[in-house]
């Protein structure tokens, strides 16, 4: 919660993505789940913020990577529903997101490249810039954090799993004593 408040108080970051996040199509990303319980919009927003911070700190092209990060998952379908999109979502959605973003906004070649290639190493499309690598790794980091947060909540909310961990711990402790 505190981290979200810090994002909303960063005027420069908000100004960079304002044109994007006020667009109705981009707002529609809120209707699609990305990783577990987080929306596509929120995932892209957090990725954009972390990319902004990292690239600004290292004096890189933080404006391009922030814009690309906000649009990197603009595919506008439920990727869990196999009937709503082409097969192999992980391999194709970067290109789909770029095509959708180009219909809405004027993007630089660098921004297009970052969006298309953000799924490396799943795809063989190697990022062409350091900003592209940063987006790729920040995207994986955020996805992992989102998944872990949800998994942790589910594990700790079920008493069975709490007792299973206790039992497993006792079992391991007993095996070590033998």
N, C-alpha and C. Protein backbone atom coordinates (compact mmCIF):
# COMPACT_ATOMS: atom_id res chain seq x y z
N UNK A 1 0.82 -1.19 0.00
CA UNK A 1 0.00 0.00 0.00
C UNK A 1 0.87 1.26 0.00
N UNK A 2 1.91 1.27 0.84
CA UNK A 2 2.80 2.42 0.91
C UNK A 2 3.52 2.63 -0.42
N UNK A 3 3.92 1.51 -1.05
CA UNK A 3 4.62 1.58 -2.33
C UNK A 3 3.72 2.22 -3.39
N UNK A 4 2.43 1.86 -3.40
CA UNK A 4 1.51 2.45 -4.36
C UNK A 4 1.38 3.95 -4.15
N UNK A 5 1.39 4.39 -2.91
CA UNK A 5 1.29 5.83 -2.64
C UNK A 5 2.50 6.56 -3.19
N UNK A 6 3.68 5.96 -3.12
CA UNK A 6 4.88 6.59 -3.67
C UNK A 6 4.77 6.77 -5.17
N UNK A 7 4.17 5.80 -5.84
CA UNK A 7 4.00 5.90 -7.29
C UNK A 7 3.08 7.06 -7.63
N UNK A 8 1.98 7.17 -6.94
CA UNK A 8 1.01 8.20 -7.26
C UNK A 8 1.52 9.60 -6.95
N UNK A 9 2.58 9.71 -6.18
CA UNK A 9 3.14 11.02 -5.86
C UNK A 9 4.31 11.39 -6.75
N UNK A 10 4.60 10.59 -7.77
CA UNK A 10 5.72 10.87 -8.66
C UNK A 10 5.18 11.55 -9.92
N UNK A 11 5.25 12.87 -9.94
CA UNK A 11 4.67 13.66 -11.03
C UNK A 11 5.34 13.41 -12.37
N UNK A 12 6.66 13.28 -12.38
CA UNK A 12 7.36 13.06 -13.65
C UNK A 12 6.91 11.74 -14.28
N UNK A 13 6.87 10.68 -13.48
CA UNK A 13 6.41 9.38 -13.97
C UNK A 13 4.99 9.49 -14.52
N UNK A 14 4.11 10.10 -13.76
CA UNK A 14 2.72 10.25 -14.19
C UNK A 14 2.61 11.06 -15.48
N UNK A 15 3.43 12.09 -15.64
CA UNK A 15 3.40 12.90 -16.86
C UNK A 15 3.84 12.11 -18.08
N UNK A 16 4.82 11.22 -17.90
CA UNK A 16 5.31 10.41 -19.03
C UNK A 16 4.22 9.48 -19.55
N UNK A 17 3.45 8.90 -18.64
CA UNK A 17 2.45 7.91 -19.07
C UNK A 17 1.02 8.46 -19.12
N UNK A 18 0.83 9.72 -18.80
CA UNK A 18 -0.52 10.28 -18.73
C UNK A 18 -1.31 10.09 -20.02
N UNK A 19 -0.68 10.38 -21.16
CA UNK A 19 -1.35 10.21 -22.45
C UNK A 19 -1.82 8.76 -22.63
N UNK A 20 -1.03 7.84 -22.14
CA UNK A 20 -1.34 6.42 -22.31
C UNK A 20 -2.45 5.96 -21.37
N UNK A 21 -2.32 6.30 -20.10
CA UNK A 21 -3.27 5.76 -19.11
C UNK A 21 -4.63 6.44 -19.15
N UNK A 22 -4.74 7.56 -19.83
CA UNK A 22 -6.05 8.20 -19.95
C UNK A 22 -6.81 7.72 -21.19
N UNK A 23 -6.17 6.90 -21.99
CA UNK A 23 -6.80 6.35 -23.19
C UNK A 23 -7.78 5.24 -22.80
N UNK A 24 -8.96 5.23 -23.41
CA UNK A 24 -9.99 4.24 -23.07
C UNK A 24 -9.55 2.81 -23.34
N UNK A 25 -8.82 2.59 -24.41
CA UNK A 25 -8.36 1.23 -24.72
C UNK A 25 -7.37 0.74 -23.67
N UNK A 26 -6.47 1.60 -23.25
CA UNK A 26 -5.52 1.23 -22.20
C UNK A 26 -6.26 1.00 -20.89
N UNK A 27 -7.25 1.83 -20.61
CA UNK A 27 -8.07 1.63 -19.41
C UNK A 27 -8.79 0.28 -19.44
N UNK A 28 -9.11 -0.19 -20.65
CA UNK A 28 -9.78 -1.47 -20.82
C UNK A 28 -8.89 -2.64 -20.33
N UNK A 29 -7.59 -2.43 -20.23
CA UNK A 29 -6.68 -3.45 -19.70
C UNK A 29 -7.05 -3.84 -18.26
N UNK A 30 -7.76 -2.96 -17.58
CA UNK A 30 -8.19 -3.27 -16.21
C UNK A 30 -9.19 -4.42 -16.17
N UNK A 31 -9.80 -4.72 -17.31
CA UNK A 31 -10.80 -5.79 -17.38
C UNK A 31 -10.21 -7.17 -17.63
N UNK A 32 -8.90 -7.25 -17.78
CA UNK A 32 -8.25 -8.53 -18.07
C UNK A 32 -7.24 -8.86 -16.97
N UNK A 33 -7.33 -10.08 -16.46
CA UNK A 33 -6.37 -10.53 -15.45
C UNK A 33 -5.05 -10.87 -16.14
N UNK A 34 -3.96 -10.53 -15.47
CA UNK A 34 -2.65 -10.87 -16.01
C UNK A 34 -2.07 -12.05 -15.24
N UNK A 35 -1.55 -11.80 -14.06
CA UNK A 35 -1.00 -12.87 -13.23
C UNK A 35 -1.86 -12.99 -11.98
N UNK A 36 -2.57 -14.10 -11.89
CA UNK A 36 -3.44 -14.38 -10.76
C UNK A 36 -4.48 -13.29 -10.60
N UNK A 37 -4.42 -12.48 -9.54
CA UNK A 37 -5.48 -11.52 -9.26
C UNK A 37 -5.19 -10.10 -9.73
N UNK A 38 -4.06 -9.87 -10.34
CA UNK A 38 -3.71 -8.51 -10.76
C UNK A 38 -4.16 -8.27 -12.21
N UNK A 39 -4.64 -7.07 -12.46
CA UNK A 39 -5.09 -6.76 -13.82
C UNK A 39 -3.90 -6.49 -14.73
N UNK A 40 -4.15 -6.59 -16.00
CA UNK A 40 -3.12 -6.29 -17.00
C UNK A 40 -2.65 -4.84 -16.84
N UNK A 41 -3.56 -3.94 -16.59
CA UNK A 41 -3.23 -2.53 -16.41
C UNK A 41 -2.30 -2.35 -15.22
N UNK A 42 -2.66 -2.92 -14.07
CA UNK A 42 -1.83 -2.75 -12.87
C UNK A 42 -0.45 -3.37 -13.05
N UNK A 43 -0.40 -4.53 -13.68
CA UNK A 43 0.90 -5.17 -13.94
C UNK A 43 1.77 -4.24 -14.79
N UNK A 44 1.23 -3.72 -15.87
CA UNK A 44 2.00 -2.82 -16.74
C UNK A 44 2.40 -1.54 -16.01
N UNK A 45 1.53 -1.05 -15.17
CA UNK A 45 1.80 0.17 -14.41
C UNK A 45 2.99 -0.03 -13.47
N UNK A 46 3.00 -1.14 -12.75
CA UNK A 46 4.13 -1.43 -11.85
C UNK A 46 5.42 -1.67 -12.62
N UNK A 47 5.34 -2.40 -13.72
CA UNK A 47 6.53 -2.62 -14.55
C UNK A 47 7.05 -1.28 -15.06
N UNK A 48 6.16 -0.43 -15.50
CA UNK A 48 6.56 0.89 -16.01
C UNK A 48 7.25 1.70 -14.91
N UNK A 49 6.72 1.65 -13.71
CA UNK A 49 7.30 2.43 -12.62
C UNK A 49 8.70 1.95 -12.27
N UNK A 50 8.89 0.65 -12.16
CA UNK A 50 10.21 0.12 -11.84
C UNK A 50 11.21 0.41 -12.97
N UNK A 51 10.77 0.28 -14.21
CA UNK A 51 11.64 0.60 -15.34
C UNK A 51 12.03 2.08 -15.31
N UNK A 52 11.07 2.92 -15.01
CA UNK A 52 11.32 4.35 -14.88
C UNK A 52 12.41 4.62 -13.84
N UNK A 53 12.27 4.03 -12.66
CA UNK A 53 13.23 4.26 -11.58
C UNK A 53 14.63 3.78 -11.96
N UNK A 54 14.72 2.58 -12.49
CA UNK A 54 16.03 2.00 -12.82
C UNK A 54 16.71 2.79 -13.93
N UNK A 55 15.98 3.06 -14.99
CA UNK A 55 16.59 3.75 -16.14
C UNK A 55 16.93 5.20 -15.81
N UNK A 56 16.13 5.84 -15.01
CA UNK A 56 16.45 7.22 -14.61
C UNK A 56 17.71 7.24 -13.75
N UNK A 57 17.83 6.29 -12.84
CA UNK A 57 19.01 6.22 -11.96
C UNK A 57 20.29 6.04 -12.77
N UNK A 58 20.23 5.25 -13.83
CA UNK A 58 21.42 4.96 -14.63
C UNK A 58 21.53 5.84 -15.88
N UNK A 59 20.74 6.91 -15.93
CA UNK A 59 20.82 7.90 -17.02
C UNK A 59 20.59 7.27 -18.39
N UNK A 60 19.59 6.40 -18.46
CA UNK A 60 19.21 5.76 -19.72
C UNK A 60 17.95 6.43 -20.25
N UNK A 61 17.44 5.95 -21.34
CA UNK A 61 16.24 6.52 -21.97
C UNK A 61 14.99 6.08 -21.18
N UNK A 62 14.79 6.71 -20.04
CA UNK A 62 13.71 6.31 -19.14
C UNK A 62 12.33 6.65 -19.69
N UNK A 63 12.23 7.64 -20.53
CA UNK A 63 10.92 7.99 -21.08
C UNK A 63 10.43 6.91 -22.05
N UNK A 64 11.30 6.45 -22.94
CA UNK A 64 10.90 5.42 -23.90
C UNK A 64 10.56 4.11 -23.20
N UNK A 65 11.39 3.70 -22.26
CA UNK A 65 11.14 2.42 -21.60
C UNK A 65 9.89 2.49 -20.72
N UNK A 66 9.62 3.63 -20.13
CA UNK A 66 8.42 3.78 -19.31
C UNK A 66 7.17 3.67 -20.17
N UNK A 67 7.17 4.34 -21.31
CA UNK A 67 6.03 4.25 -22.23
C UNK A 67 5.86 2.82 -22.76
N UNK A 68 6.97 2.21 -23.17
CA UNK A 68 6.90 0.84 -23.70
C UNK A 68 6.41 -0.13 -22.62
N UNK A 69 6.87 0.04 -21.41
CA UNK A 69 6.46 -0.84 -20.32
C UNK A 69 4.96 -0.72 -20.05
N UNK A 70 4.43 0.49 -20.15
CA UNK A 70 3.00 0.66 -19.91
C UNK A 70 2.17 -0.01 -20.99
N UNK A 71 2.74 -0.23 -22.16
CA UNK A 71 2.00 -0.82 -23.28
C UNK A 71 2.42 -2.25 -23.61
N UNK A 72 3.37 -2.80 -22.88
CA UNK A 72 3.97 -4.08 -23.29
C UNK A 72 3.00 -5.27 -23.26
N UNK A 73 1.91 -5.17 -22.53
CA UNK A 73 0.91 -6.25 -22.50
C UNK A 73 -0.46 -5.76 -22.97
N UNK A 74 -0.49 -4.89 -23.95
CA UNK A 74 -1.73 -4.35 -24.49
C UNK A 74 -2.31 -5.31 -25.54
N UNK A 75 -2.63 -6.52 -25.11
CA UNK A 75 -3.14 -7.52 -26.06
C UNK A 75 -4.65 -7.65 -26.01
N UNK A 76 -5.29 -7.22 -24.92
CA UNK A 76 -6.75 -7.08 -24.81
C UNK A 76 -7.54 -8.37 -25.06
N UNK A 77 -7.13 -9.44 -24.44
CA UNK A 77 -7.91 -10.67 -24.42
C UNK A 77 -7.51 -11.45 -23.18
N UNK A 78 -8.33 -12.41 -22.82
CA UNK A 78 -8.03 -13.26 -21.69
C UNK A 78 -7.14 -14.39 -22.18
N UNK A 79 -5.88 -14.35 -21.86
CA UNK A 79 -4.95 -15.34 -22.40
C UNK A 79 -5.19 -16.74 -21.85
N UNK A 80 -6.00 -16.84 -20.79
CA UNK A 80 -6.34 -18.17 -20.25
C UNK A 80 -7.42 -18.86 -21.09
N UNK A 81 -8.21 -18.07 -21.80
CA UNK A 81 -9.27 -18.61 -22.66
C UNK A 81 -8.68 -18.91 -24.02
N UNK A 82 -8.49 -20.19 -24.31
CA UNK A 82 -7.80 -20.59 -25.55
C UNK A 82 -8.59 -20.23 -26.82
N UNK A 83 -9.87 -19.94 -26.68
CA UNK A 83 -10.68 -19.58 -27.85
C UNK A 83 -10.62 -18.09 -28.18
N UNK A 84 -10.02 -17.28 -27.32
CA UNK A 84 -10.05 -15.83 -27.52
C UNK A 84 -8.80 -15.28 -28.20
N UNK A 85 -7.83 -16.12 -28.51
CA UNK A 85 -6.57 -15.64 -29.07
C UNK A 85 -5.86 -16.76 -29.82
N UNK A 86 -4.86 -16.39 -30.60
CA UNK A 86 -4.05 -17.43 -31.26
C UNK A 86 -3.31 -18.27 -30.22
N UNK A 87 -2.96 -19.47 -30.57
CA UNK A 87 -2.23 -20.33 -29.65
C UNK A 87 -0.86 -19.75 -29.33
N UNK A 88 -0.29 -20.23 -28.26
CA UNK A 88 1.05 -19.84 -27.83
C UNK A 88 1.14 -18.35 -27.51
N UNK A 89 0.30 -17.92 -26.62
CA UNK A 89 0.21 -16.52 -26.19
C UNK A 89 1.59 -15.93 -25.87
N UNK A 90 2.40 -16.66 -25.12
CA UNK A 90 3.70 -16.13 -24.68
C UNK A 90 4.59 -15.75 -25.86
N UNK A 91 4.43 -16.44 -26.97
CA UNK A 91 5.28 -16.18 -28.12
C UNK A 91 4.77 -15.04 -29.01
N UNK A 92 3.48 -14.75 -28.95
CA UNK A 92 2.89 -13.80 -29.90
C UNK A 92 2.39 -12.49 -29.30
N UNK A 93 2.18 -12.44 -27.99
CA UNK A 93 1.49 -11.26 -27.46
C UNK A 93 2.32 -9.99 -27.52
N UNK A 94 3.64 -10.08 -27.58
CA UNK A 94 4.45 -8.86 -27.73
C UNK A 94 4.15 -8.15 -29.03
N UNK A 95 4.06 -8.92 -30.09
CA UNK A 95 3.75 -8.34 -31.40
C UNK A 95 2.33 -7.79 -31.43
N UNK A 96 1.39 -8.54 -30.84
CA UNK A 96 -0.01 -8.08 -30.76
C UNK A 96 -0.10 -6.78 -29.97
N UNK A 97 0.61 -6.72 -28.85
CA UNK A 97 0.61 -5.50 -28.03
C UNK A 97 1.17 -4.32 -28.80
N UNK A 98 2.22 -4.56 -29.55
CA UNK A 98 2.83 -3.48 -30.34
C UNK A 98 1.88 -3.00 -31.44
N UNK A 99 1.23 -3.93 -32.12
CA UNK A 99 0.26 -3.56 -33.16
C UNK A 99 -0.87 -2.73 -32.57
N UNK A 100 -1.39 -3.16 -31.41
CA UNK A 100 -2.47 -2.41 -30.76
C UNK A 100 -2.00 -1.03 -30.33
N UNK A 101 -0.80 -0.95 -29.78
CA UNK A 101 -0.26 0.33 -29.31
C UNK A 101 -0.03 1.29 -30.48
N UNK A 102 0.45 0.77 -31.60
CA UNK A 102 0.71 1.61 -32.78
C UNK A 102 -0.57 2.19 -33.37
N UNK A 103 -1.68 1.50 -33.19
CA UNK A 103 -2.97 2.02 -33.66
C UNK A 103 -3.43 3.22 -32.83
N UNK A 104 -2.95 3.29 -31.60
CA UNK A 104 -3.41 4.32 -30.66
C UNK A 104 -2.44 5.48 -30.46
N UNK A 105 -1.14 5.19 -30.56
CA UNK A 105 -0.13 6.17 -30.20
C UNK A 105 1.00 6.20 -31.22
N UNK A 106 1.68 7.33 -31.25
CA UNK A 106 2.90 7.48 -32.04
C UNK A 106 4.04 6.91 -31.20
N UNK A 107 4.62 5.81 -31.64
CA UNK A 107 5.70 5.17 -30.90
C UNK A 107 7.01 5.27 -31.67
N UNK A 108 8.09 5.43 -30.93
CA UNK A 108 9.41 5.43 -31.56
C UNK A 108 9.79 3.98 -31.92
N UNK A 109 10.79 3.84 -32.76
CA UNK A 109 11.25 2.50 -33.13
C UNK A 109 11.76 1.75 -31.89
N UNK A 110 12.40 2.48 -31.00
CA UNK A 110 12.91 1.87 -29.77
C UNK A 110 11.76 1.33 -28.92
N UNK A 111 10.70 2.11 -28.77
CA UNK A 111 9.54 1.67 -27.98
C UNK A 111 8.91 0.42 -28.60
N UNK A 112 8.78 0.41 -29.93
CA UNK A 112 8.23 -0.76 -30.61
C UNK A 112 9.09 -1.99 -30.36
N UNK A 113 10.39 -1.82 -30.51
CA UNK A 113 11.32 -2.93 -30.30
C UNK A 113 11.23 -3.47 -28.87
N UNK A 114 11.16 -2.59 -27.91
CA UNK A 114 11.08 -3.01 -26.50
C UNK A 114 9.81 -3.82 -26.27
N UNK A 115 8.70 -3.37 -26.82
CA UNK A 115 7.43 -4.08 -26.63
C UNK A 115 7.47 -5.46 -27.30
N UNK A 116 7.91 -5.51 -28.53
CA UNK A 116 7.92 -6.77 -29.28
C UNK A 116 8.85 -7.80 -28.64
N UNK A 117 9.98 -7.36 -28.13
CA UNK A 117 11.00 -8.29 -27.65
C UNK A 117 11.01 -8.51 -26.15
N UNK A 118 9.97 -8.08 -25.44
CA UNK A 118 10.00 -8.18 -23.98
C UNK A 118 9.89 -9.60 -23.44
N UNK A 119 9.58 -10.57 -24.27
CA UNK A 119 9.42 -11.95 -23.78
C UNK A 119 10.69 -12.79 -23.91
N UNK A 120 11.82 -12.17 -24.27
CA UNK A 120 13.06 -12.92 -24.25
C UNK A 120 13.34 -13.35 -22.82
N UNK A 121 13.80 -14.50 -22.51
CA UNK A 121 14.32 -15.58 -23.34
C UNK A 121 13.27 -16.63 -23.75
N UNK A 122 11.99 -16.42 -23.42
CA UNK A 122 10.96 -17.36 -23.87
C UNK A 122 10.94 -17.40 -25.39
N UNK A 123 10.99 -16.22 -25.98
CA UNK A 123 11.13 -16.14 -27.44
C UNK A 123 12.60 -15.93 -27.76
N UNK A 124 12.97 -16.11 -28.98
CA UNK A 124 14.37 -15.91 -29.37
C UNK A 124 14.65 -14.48 -29.80
N UNK A 125 13.63 -13.62 -29.72
CA UNK A 125 13.79 -12.21 -30.10
C UNK A 125 14.58 -11.48 -29.01
N UNK A 126 15.84 -11.28 -29.26
CA UNK A 126 16.78 -10.67 -28.33
C UNK A 126 16.56 -9.16 -28.27
N UNK A 127 16.44 -8.56 -27.08
CA UNK A 127 16.28 -7.10 -27.00
C UNK A 127 17.46 -6.38 -27.64
N UNK A 128 17.17 -5.28 -28.32
CA UNK A 128 18.20 -4.52 -29.03
C UNK A 128 18.79 -3.38 -28.21
N UNK A 129 18.29 -3.17 -27.01
CA UNK A 129 18.79 -2.06 -26.20
C UNK A 129 18.85 -2.47 -24.74
N UNK A 130 19.63 -1.72 -23.98
CA UNK A 130 19.73 -1.99 -22.55
C UNK A 130 18.37 -1.76 -21.88
N UNK A 131 17.64 -0.77 -22.38
CA UNK A 131 16.30 -0.52 -21.84
C UNK A 131 15.38 -1.72 -22.09
N UNK A 132 15.55 -2.36 -23.24
CA UNK A 132 14.78 -3.56 -23.54
C UNK A 132 15.07 -4.69 -22.56
N UNK A 133 16.35 -4.86 -22.23
CA UNK A 133 16.73 -5.86 -21.23
C UNK A 133 16.13 -5.52 -19.87
N UNK A 134 16.18 -4.26 -19.52
CA UNK A 134 15.64 -3.85 -18.21
C UNK A 134 14.16 -4.16 -18.15
N UNK A 135 13.40 -3.81 -19.19
CA UNK A 135 11.97 -4.14 -19.21
C UNK A 135 11.75 -5.64 -19.11
N UNK A 136 12.53 -6.41 -19.84
CA UNK A 136 12.39 -7.86 -19.82
C UNK A 136 12.56 -8.41 -18.40
N UNK A 137 13.60 -7.98 -17.72
CA UNK A 137 13.87 -8.50 -16.38
C UNK A 137 12.90 -7.94 -15.34
N UNK A 138 12.52 -6.68 -15.46
CA UNK A 138 11.55 -6.11 -14.54
C UNK A 138 10.19 -6.80 -14.71
N UNK A 139 9.82 -7.09 -15.95
CA UNK A 139 8.56 -7.80 -16.21
C UNK A 139 8.56 -9.16 -15.52
N UNK A 140 9.67 -9.90 -15.63
CA UNK A 140 9.76 -11.21 -14.98
C UNK A 140 9.73 -11.07 -13.46
N UNK A 141 10.41 -10.05 -12.96
CA UNK A 141 10.43 -9.80 -11.51
C UNK A 141 9.01 -9.50 -11.00
N UNK A 142 8.32 -8.60 -11.67
CA UNK A 142 6.96 -8.24 -11.24
C UNK A 142 6.02 -9.44 -11.33
N UNK A 143 6.12 -10.21 -12.40
CA UNK A 143 5.27 -11.39 -12.56
C UNK A 143 5.52 -12.38 -11.42
N UNK A 144 6.78 -12.56 -11.07
CA UNK A 144 7.12 -13.47 -9.97
C UNK A 144 6.57 -12.95 -8.65
N UNK A 145 6.70 -11.66 -8.40
CA UNK A 145 6.19 -11.08 -7.17
C UNK A 145 4.67 -11.19 -7.08
N UNK A 146 4.00 -10.94 -8.20
CA UNK A 146 2.53 -11.04 -8.23
C UNK A 146 2.09 -12.47 -7.96
N UNK A 147 2.76 -13.42 -8.58
CA UNK A 147 2.42 -14.83 -8.39
C UNK A 147 2.70 -15.25 -6.95
N UNK A 148 3.85 -14.90 -6.44
CA UNK A 148 4.22 -15.30 -5.10
C UNK A 148 3.26 -14.72 -4.06
N UNK A 149 2.88 -13.47 -4.23
CA UNK A 149 1.95 -12.84 -3.29
C UNK A 149 0.63 -13.61 -3.24
N UNK A 150 0.12 -13.98 -4.38
CA UNK A 150 -1.15 -14.70 -4.44
C UNK A 150 -1.00 -16.11 -3.88
N UNK A 151 0.06 -16.79 -4.25
CA UNK A 151 0.28 -18.16 -3.76
C UNK A 151 0.44 -18.14 -2.24
N UNK A 152 1.20 -17.20 -1.74
CA UNK A 152 1.42 -17.09 -0.30
C UNK A 152 0.10 -16.85 0.44
N UNK A 153 -0.73 -15.97 -0.08
CA UNK A 153 -2.02 -15.71 0.54
C UNK A 153 -2.89 -16.97 0.57
N UNK A 154 -2.87 -17.73 -0.51
CA UNK A 154 -3.67 -18.94 -0.58
C UNK A 154 -3.15 -20.01 0.37
N UNK A 155 -1.84 -20.12 0.47
CA UNK A 155 -1.26 -21.12 1.36
C UNK A 155 -1.57 -20.78 2.81
N UNK A 156 -1.36 -19.53 3.19
CA UNK A 156 -1.55 -19.15 4.58
C UNK A 156 -3.03 -19.04 4.97
N UNK A 157 -3.91 -18.95 3.99
CA UNK A 157 -5.33 -18.85 4.33
C UNK A 157 -5.95 -20.22 4.58
N UNK A 158 -5.29 -21.27 4.25
CA UNK A 158 -5.83 -22.60 4.43
C UNK A 158 -5.08 -23.30 5.56
N UNK A 159 -5.82 -23.65 6.61
CA UNK A 159 -5.18 -24.25 7.77
C UNK A 159 -4.52 -25.59 7.44
N UNK A 160 -5.04 -26.31 6.44
CA UNK A 160 -4.45 -27.58 6.06
C UNK A 160 -2.99 -27.41 5.68
N UNK A 161 -2.70 -26.37 4.89
CA UNK A 161 -1.34 -26.15 4.45
C UNK A 161 -0.44 -25.75 5.61
N UNK A 162 -0.98 -24.99 6.56
CA UNK A 162 -0.18 -24.62 7.72
C UNK A 162 0.25 -25.87 8.48
N UNK A 163 -0.69 -26.79 8.66
CA UNK A 163 -0.36 -28.04 9.36
C UNK A 163 0.55 -28.93 8.51
N UNK A 164 0.38 -28.88 7.20
CA UNK A 164 1.26 -29.67 6.32
C UNK A 164 2.70 -29.20 6.46
N UNK A 165 2.91 -27.86 6.52
CA UNK A 165 4.25 -27.35 6.71
C UNK A 165 4.83 -27.78 8.06
N UNK A 166 4.01 -27.75 9.09
CA UNK A 166 4.44 -28.19 10.41
C UNK A 166 4.83 -29.66 10.37
N UNK A 167 4.00 -30.49 9.77
CA UNK A 167 4.28 -31.92 9.65
C UNK A 167 5.56 -32.15 8.85
N UNK A 168 5.71 -31.47 7.73
CA UNK A 168 6.91 -31.62 6.90
C UNK A 168 8.15 -31.20 7.68
N UNK A 169 8.05 -30.12 8.43
CA UNK A 169 9.18 -29.66 9.26
C UNK A 169 9.56 -30.69 10.30
N UNK A 170 8.57 -31.28 10.97
CA UNK A 170 8.85 -32.31 11.96
C UNK A 170 9.46 -33.55 11.31
N UNK A 171 8.97 -33.90 10.14
CA UNK A 171 9.49 -35.06 9.42
C UNK A 171 10.95 -34.85 9.03
N UNK A 172 11.27 -33.69 8.51
CA UNK A 172 12.65 -33.38 8.13
C UNK A 172 13.54 -33.36 9.37
N UNK A 173 13.05 -32.79 10.45
CA UNK A 173 13.82 -32.74 11.70
C UNK A 173 14.11 -34.15 12.21
N UNK A 174 13.12 -35.04 12.14
CA UNK A 174 13.30 -36.42 12.59
C UNK A 174 14.28 -37.17 11.69
N UNK A 175 14.24 -36.94 10.40
CA UNK A 175 15.15 -37.62 9.47
C UNK A 175 16.58 -37.18 9.76
N UNK A 176 16.79 -35.91 10.06
CA UNK A 176 18.14 -35.42 10.34
C UNK A 176 18.69 -36.04 11.62
N UNK A 177 17.82 -36.36 12.55
CA UNK A 177 18.29 -36.95 13.81
C UNK A 177 18.69 -38.40 13.63
N UNK A 178 18.19 -39.07 12.63
CA UNK A 178 18.50 -40.50 12.40
C UNK A 178 19.83 -40.64 11.82
